[in-house]
Amino acid sequence: MGRSDGAPVDAGVIRETYTGILKAARLPEAAELDKALGRLRGHVQLLVPEAMALAARMRGMRRRTAVHCLVWAYQLVQEEEDDLSAAPEVRVQDLAIVARALLALYEYTGPLGKPYRAGEIEKTVRRRMCGMCMQPIEDGEPFERAVYASEASGGIRGYSHTGNCAGLAAALRSQLRAVP
């Protein structure tokens, strides 16, 4: 399977790249780290359209997992393009993990059906949600990147409305009770 532009997915090279990062005893030095980031970013960008097309043909939990991985991949690549990403040491690990997940989805698709609601998948992947009020952040609406506390990790990166979060304010107002 190749992309629509004819560029083949070389699973062996992708696997070698992410395995070298994930199994390494230590991270590469600065110059090699930059090369690894570039390779992993390229692998993820190559796999995203492939996984997106396959996700539209998947069903059940496999489809939900594919969409989850695609959302994560899109956010990582978008952060790289916006130059708002985490430290290189964190990015290289994140990109290696998402490359591994996307390659697994690409190689082990499970039973595929006809494409179903492909536009919905792409919309979901590109959507930004506010981590405070859980409402979508519309195009043109100001937002900031945020790190939310998490018991499972040092923090989960996401987005939040800047300034007044209307959805959160409305939720809080609905929870207020009159004091007698």
C-alpha atoms as a PDB file:
ATOM      1  CA  MET A   1       0.000   0.000   0.000  1.00  0.00           C
ATOM      2  CA  GLY A   2       1.316   3.423  -0.889  1.00  0.00           C
ATOM      3  CA  ARG A   3       0.143   6.986  -0.615  1.00  0.00           C
ATOM      4  CA  SER A   4      -1.878   8.487  -3.391  1.00  0.00           C
ATOM      5  CA  ASP A   5       1.234  10.341  -4.628  1.00  0.00           C
ATOM      6  CA  GLY A   6       2.984   7.001  -5.101  1.00  0.00           C
ATOM      7  CA  ALA A   7       5.492   7.322  -2.219  1.00  0.00           C
ATOM      8  CA  PRO A   8       5.752   3.875  -0.642  1.00  0.00           C
ATOM      9  CA  VAL A   9       5.637   3.249   3.073  1.00  0.00           C
ATOM     10  CA  ASP A  10       8.860   1.479   4.031  1.00  0.00           C
ATOM     11  CA  ALA A  11       7.776  -0.269   7.221  1.00  0.00           C
ATOM     12  CA  GLY A  12      11.267  -1.613   7.908  1.00  0.00           C
ATOM     13  CA  VAL A  13      12.878   1.828   7.907  1.00  0.00           C
ATOM     14  CA  ILE A  14      10.109   3.294  10.060  1.00  0.00           C
ATOM     15  CA  ARG A  15      10.362   0.408  12.531  1.00  0.00           C
ATOM     16  CA  GLU A  16      14.151   0.722  12.678  1.00  0.00           C
ATOM     17  CA  THR A  17      13.896   4.464  13.387  1.00  0.00           C
ATOM     18  CA  TYR A  18      11.377   4.280  16.220  1.00  0.00           C
ATOM     19  CA  THR A  19      12.900   1.141  17.729  1.00  0.00           C
ATOM     20  CA  GLY A  20      16.300   2.828  17.859  1.00  0.00           C
ATOM     21  CA  ILE A  21      14.784   5.630  19.926  1.00  0.00           C
ATOM     22  CA  LEU A  22      12.471   3.595  22.144  1.00  0.00           C
ATOM     23  CA  LYS A  23      15.006   0.890  23.025  1.00  0.00           C
ATOM     24  CA  ALA A  24      18.036   3.155  23.404  1.00  0.00           C
ATOM     25  CA  ALA A  25      19.648   3.324  26.829  1.00  0.00           C
ATOM     26  CA  ARG A  26      19.944   7.097  26.402  1.00  0.00           C
ATOM     27  CA  LEU A  27      18.792   9.719  23.965  1.00  0.00           C
ATOM     28  CA  PRO A  28      21.046  10.696  21.071  1.00  0.00           C
ATOM     29  CA  GLU A  29      23.292  13.766  21.257  1.00  0.00           C
ATOM     30  CA  ALA A  30      21.970  17.122  19.950  1.00  0.00           C
ATOM     31  CA  ALA A  31      22.968  16.719  16.258  1.00  0.00           C
ATOM     32  CA  GLU A  32      21.705  13.144  16.092  1.00  0.00           C
ATOM     33  CA  LEU A  33      18.581  14.140  18.023  1.00  0.00           C
ATOM     34  CA  ASP A  34      17.717  16.692  15.328  1.00  0.00           C
ATOM     35  CA  LYS A  35      18.170  14.024  12.616  1.00  0.00           C
ATOM     36  CA  ALA A  36      15.971  11.585  14.553  1.00  0.00           C
ATOM     37  CA  LEU A  37      13.276  14.246  14.979  1.00  0.00           C
ATOM     38  CA  GLY A  38      13.329  14.947  11.249  1.00  0.00           C
ATOM     39  CA  ARG A  39      13.103  11.270  10.322  1.00  0.00           C
ATOM     40  CA  LEU A  40      10.307  10.573  12.799  1.00  0.00           C
ATOM     41  CA  ARG A  41       8.355  13.662  11.712  1.00  0.00           C
ATOM     42  CA  GLY A  42       8.652  12.471   8.111  1.00  0.00           C
ATOM     43  CA  HIS A  43       7.505   8.972   9.028  1.00  0.00           C
ATOM     44  CA  VAL A  44       4.480  10.306  10.908  1.00  0.00           C
ATOM     45  CA  GLN A  45       3.569  12.655   8.043  1.00  0.00           C
ATOM     46  CA  LEU A  46       3.828   9.730   5.612  1.00  0.00           C
ATOM     47  CA  LEU A  47       1.682   7.450   7.772  1.00  0.00           C
ATOM     48  CA  VAL A  48      -1.084   9.920   8.699  1.00  0.00           C
ATOM     49  CA  PRO A  49      -2.848   9.970   5.294  1.00  0.00           C
ATOM     50  CA  GLU A  50      -2.489   6.198   5.022  1.00  0.00           C
ATOM     51  CA  ALA A  51      -3.952   5.599   8.473  1.00  0.00           C
ATOM     52  CA  MET A  52      -6.700   8.173   7.836  1.00  0.00           C
ATOM     53  CA  ALA A  53      -7.797   6.362   4.684  1.00  0.00           C
ATOM     54  CA  LEU A  54      -7.700   3.003   6.446  1.00  0.00           C
ATOM     55  CA  ALA A  55      -9.541   4.315   9.537  1.00  0.00           C
ATOM     56  CA  ALA A  56     -12.518   5.218   7.345  1.00  0.00           C
ATOM     57  CA  ARG A  57     -12.742   1.528   6.407  1.00  0.00           C
ATOM     58  CA  MET A  58     -12.237   0.179   9.949  1.00  0.00           C
ATOM     59  CA  ARG A  59     -15.015  -0.604  12.371  1.00  0.00           C
ATOM     60  CA  GLY A  60     -15.487  -0.752  16.136  1.00  0.00           C
ATOM     61  CA  MET A  61     -12.643  -0.323  18.599  1.00  0.00           C
ATOM     62  CA  ARG A  62     -10.012  -0.539  15.889  1.00  0.00           C
ATOM     63  CA  ARG A  63     -11.550   2.526  14.236  1.00  0.00           C
ATOM     64  CA  ARG A  64     -11.756   4.392  17.557  1.00  0.00           C
ATOM     65  CA  THR A  65      -8.125   3.536  18.296  1.00  0.00           C
ATOM     66  CA  ALA A  66      -7.086   4.719  14.839  1.00  0.00           C
ATOM     67  CA  VAL A  67      -8.884   8.042  15.306  1.00  0.00           C
ATOM     68  CA  HIS A  68      -7.289   8.464  18.742  1.00  0.00           C
ATOM     69  CA  CYS A  69      -3.811   7.856  17.296  1.00  0.00           C
ATOM     70  CA  LEU A  70      -4.504  10.190  14.371  1.00  0.00           C
ATOM     71  CA  VAL A  71      -5.599  12.988  16.719  1.00  0.00           C
ATOM     72  CA  TRP A  72      -2.404  12.571  18.685  1.00  0.00           C
ATOM     73  CA  ALA A  73      -0.269  12.473  15.509  1.00  0.00           C
ATOM     74  CA  TYR A  74      -1.948  15.574  14.111  1.00  0.00           C
ATOM     75  CA  GLN A  75      -1.399  17.485  17.362  1.00  0.00           C
ATOM     76  CA  LEU A  76       2.277  16.517  17.493  1.00  0.00           C
ATOM     77  CA  VAL A  77       2.900  17.539  13.880  1.00  0.00           C
ATOM     78  CA  GLN A  78       0.916  20.764  14.356  1.00  0.00           C
ATOM     79  CA  GLU A  79       2.978  21.621  17.443  1.00  0.00           C
ATOM     80  CA  GLU A  80       6.146  21.096  15.420  1.00  0.00           C
ATOM     81  CA  GLU A  81       4.888  23.406  12.660  1.00  0.00           C
ATOM     82  CA  ASP A  82       3.790  26.068  15.161  1.00  0.00           C
ATOM     83  CA  ASP A  83       7.163  25.774  16.953  1.00  0.00           C
ATOM     84  CA  LEU A  84       5.283  25.479  20.245  1.00  0.00           C
ATOM     85  CA  SER A  85       6.279  21.958  21.033  1.00  0.00           C
ATOM     86  CA  ALA A  86       7.910  20.385  24.040  1.00  0.00           C
ATOM     87  CA  ALA A  87      11.640  19.899  24.504  1.00  0.00           C
ATOM     88  CA  PRO A  88      13.366  17.808  21.792  1.00  0.00           C
ATOM     89  CA  GLU A  89      13.875  14.940  24.246  1.00  0.00           C
ATOM     90  CA  VAL A  90      10.132  14.725  24.832  1.00  0.00           C
ATOM     91  CA  ARG A  91       9.219  15.242  21.160  1.00  0.00           C
ATOM     92  CA  VAL A  92      11.480  12.452  19.939  1.00  0.00           C
ATOM     93  CA  GLN A  93       9.870   9.996  22.355  1.00  0.00           C
ATOM     94  CA  ASP A  94       6.344  11.177  21.483  1.00  0.00           C
ATOM     95  CA  LEU A  95       6.986  10.974  17.739  1.00  0.00           C
ATOM     96  CA  ALA A  96       8.536   7.503  18.096  1.00  0.00           C
ATOM     97  CA  ILE A  97       5.493   6.249  19.989  1.00  0.00           C
ATOM     98  CA  VAL A  98       2.994   7.703  17.534  1.00  0.00           C
ATOM     99  CA  ALA A  99       5.013   6.378  14.557  1.00  0.00           C
ATOM    100  CA  ARG A 100       4.890   2.903  16.124  1.00  0.00           C
ATOM    101  CA  ALA A 101       1.120   3.165  16.689  1.00  0.00           C
ATOM    102  CA  LEU A 102       0.400   4.406  13.164  1.00  0.00           C
ATOM    103  CA  LEU A 103       2.592   1.713  11.599  1.00  0.00           C
ATOM    104  CA  ALA A 104       0.766  -0.965  13.602  1.00  0.00           C
ATOM    105  CA  LEU A 105      -2.575   0.384  12.369  1.00  0.00           C
ATOM    106  CA  TYR A 106      -1.225   0.460   8.811  1.00  0.00           C
ATOM    107  CA  GLU A 107       0.116  -3.083   8.928  1.00  0.00           C
ATOM    108  CA  TYR A 108      -2.622  -4.746  10.997  1.00  0.00           C
ATOM    109  CA  THR A 109      -5.844  -3.234   9.744  1.00  0.00           C
ATOM    110  CA  GLY A 110      -8.182  -6.055  10.642  1.00  0.00           C
ATOM    111  CA  PRO A 111     -11.233  -6.595   8.448  1.00  0.00           C
ATOM    112  CA  LEU A 112     -11.959  -3.551   6.308  1.00  0.00           C
ATOM    113  CA  GLY A 113     -15.299  -2.429   4.961  1.00  0.00           C
ATOM    114  CA  LYS A 114     -16.295   0.295   2.577  1.00  0.00           C
ATOM    115  CA  PRO A 115     -15.235   3.804   3.616  1.00  0.00           C
ATOM    116  CA  TYR A 116     -17.701   5.218   6.124  1.00  0.00           C
ATOM    117  CA  ARG A 117     -17.900   8.864   7.222  1.00  0.00           C
ATOM    118  CA  ALA A 118     -14.303   9.666   6.245  1.00  0.00           C
ATOM    119  CA  GLY A 119     -15.000  13.406   6.482  1.00  0.00           C
ATOM    120  CA  GLU A 120     -16.079  12.971  10.084  1.00  0.00           C
ATOM    121  CA  ILE A 121     -12.753  11.339  10.919  1.00  0.00           C
ATOM    122  CA  GLU A 122     -10.762  14.154   9.360  1.00  0.00           C
ATOM    123  CA  LYS A 123     -12.876  16.750  11.162  1.00  0.00           C
ATOM    124  CA  THR A 124     -12.336  14.950  14.475  1.00  0.00           C
ATOM    125  CA  VAL A 125      -8.600  14.682  13.901  1.00  0.00           C
ATOM    126  CA  ARG A 126      -8.244  18.413  13.173  1.00  0.00           C
ATOM    127  CA  ARG A 127     -10.593  19.593  15.948  1.00  0.00           C
ATOM    128  CA  ARG A 128      -9.264  21.397  18.990  1.00  0.00           C
ATOM    129  CA  MET A 129     -11.103  20.911  22.274  1.00  0.00           C
ATOM    130  CA  CYS A 130     -10.746  23.085  25.352  1.00  0.00           C
ATOM    131  CA  GLY A 131      -9.477  20.963  28.242  1.00  0.00           C
ATOM    132  CA  MET A 132     -11.216  23.252  30.739  1.00  0.00           C
ATOM    133  CA  CYS A 133     -14.763  23.367  29.407  1.00  0.00           C
ATOM    134  CA  MET A 134     -14.605  20.433  26.937  1.00  0.00           C
ATOM    135  CA  GLN A 135     -16.112  22.614  24.192  1.00  0.00           C
ATOM    136  CA  PRO A 136     -14.658  22.897  20.687  1.00  0.00           C
ATOM    137  CA  ILE A 137     -12.314  25.757  19.918  1.00  0.00           C
ATOM    138  CA  GLU A 138     -13.623  27.184  16.664  1.00  0.00           C
ATOM    139  CA  ASP A 139     -11.420  28.413  13.810  1.00  0.00           C
ATOM    140  CA  GLY A 140     -10.220  31.922  14.536  1.00  0.00           C
ATOM    141  CA  GLU A 141     -11.091  31.641  18.223  1.00  0.00           C
ATOM    142  CA  PRO A 142      -8.099  32.435  20.466  1.00  0.00           C
ATOM    143  CA  PHE A 143      -6.584  29.521  22.351  1.00  0.00           C
ATOM    144  CA  GLU A 144      -3.425  28.551  24.136  1.00  0.00           C
ATOM    145  CA  ARG A 145      -1.614  25.302  24.654  1.00  0.00           C
ATOM    146  CA  ALA A 146      -1.940  23.987  28.175  1.00  0.00           C
ATOM    147  CA  VAL A 147      -0.607  21.190  30.329  1.00  0.00           C
ATOM    148  CA  TYR A 148      -3.172  19.518  32.551  1.00  0.00           C
ATOM    149  CA  ALA A 149      -2.327  17.581  35.697  1.00  0.00           C
ATOM    150  CA  SER A 150      -2.511  13.843  35.344  1.00  0.00           C
ATOM    151  CA  GLU A 151      -1.972  10.962  37.735  1.00  0.00           C
ATOM    152  CA  ALA A 152      -0.854   8.813  34.823  1.00  0.00           C
ATOM    153  CA  SER A 153       1.929  11.153  33.709  1.00  0.00           C
ATOM    154  CA  GLY A 154       3.590  14.442  34.463  1.00  0.00           C
ATOM    155  CA  GLY A 155       0.921  16.187  32.453  1.00  0.00           C
ATOM    156  CA  ILE A 156      -1.293  15.921  29.433  1.00  0.00           C
ATOM    157  CA  ARG A 157      -0.827  18.538  26.727  1.00  0.00           C
ATOM    158  CA  GLY A 158      -3.909  20.102  25.237  1.00  0.00           C
ATOM    159  CA  TYR A 159      -5.634  23.383  24.505  1.00  0.00           C
ATOM    160  CA  SER A 160      -7.717  25.899  26.393  1.00  0.00           C
ATOM    161  CA  HIS A 161      -9.655  28.997  25.474  1.00  0.00           C
ATOM    162  CA  THR A 162      -7.738  32.169  26.211  1.00  0.00           C
ATOM    163  CA  GLY A 163      -9.270  34.760  28.448  1.00  0.00           C
ATOM    164  CA  ASN A 164     -12.857  33.914  29.286  1.00  0.00           C
ATOM    165  CA  CYS A 165     -13.818  30.306  28.691  1.00  0.00           C
ATOM    166  CA  ALA A 166     -17.529  30.763  27.947  1.00  0.00           C
ATOM    167  CA  GLY A 167     -18.328  27.069  28.201  1.00  0.00           C
ATOM    168  CA  LEU A 168     -16.648  26.709  31.574  1.00  0.00           C
ATOM    169  CA  ALA A 169     -18.300  29.890  32.882  1.00  0.00           C
ATOM    170  CA  ALA A 170     -21.728  28.589  31.801  1.00  0.00           C
ATOM    171  CA  ALA A 171     -21.086  25.213  33.451  1.00  0.00           C
ATOM    172  CA  LEU A 172     -20.038  26.884  36.691  1.00  0.00           C
ATOM    173  CA  ARG A 173     -23.090  29.189  36.641  1.00  0.00           C
ATOM    174  CA  SER A 174     -25.379  26.191  36.217  1.00  0.00           C
ATOM    175  CA  GLN A 175     -23.799  24.542  39.258  1.00  0.00           C
ATOM    176  CA  LEU A 176     -24.211  27.549  41.541  1.00  0.00           C
ATOM    177  CA  ARG A 177     -27.034  27.306  43.995  1.00  0.00           C
ATOM    178  CA  ALA A 178     -28.736  30.185  45.703  1.00  0.00           C
ATOM    179  CA  VAL A 179     -27.699  30.524  49.323  1.00  0.00           C
ATOM    180  CA  PRO A 180     -30.708  30.907  51.637  1.00  0.00           C
END
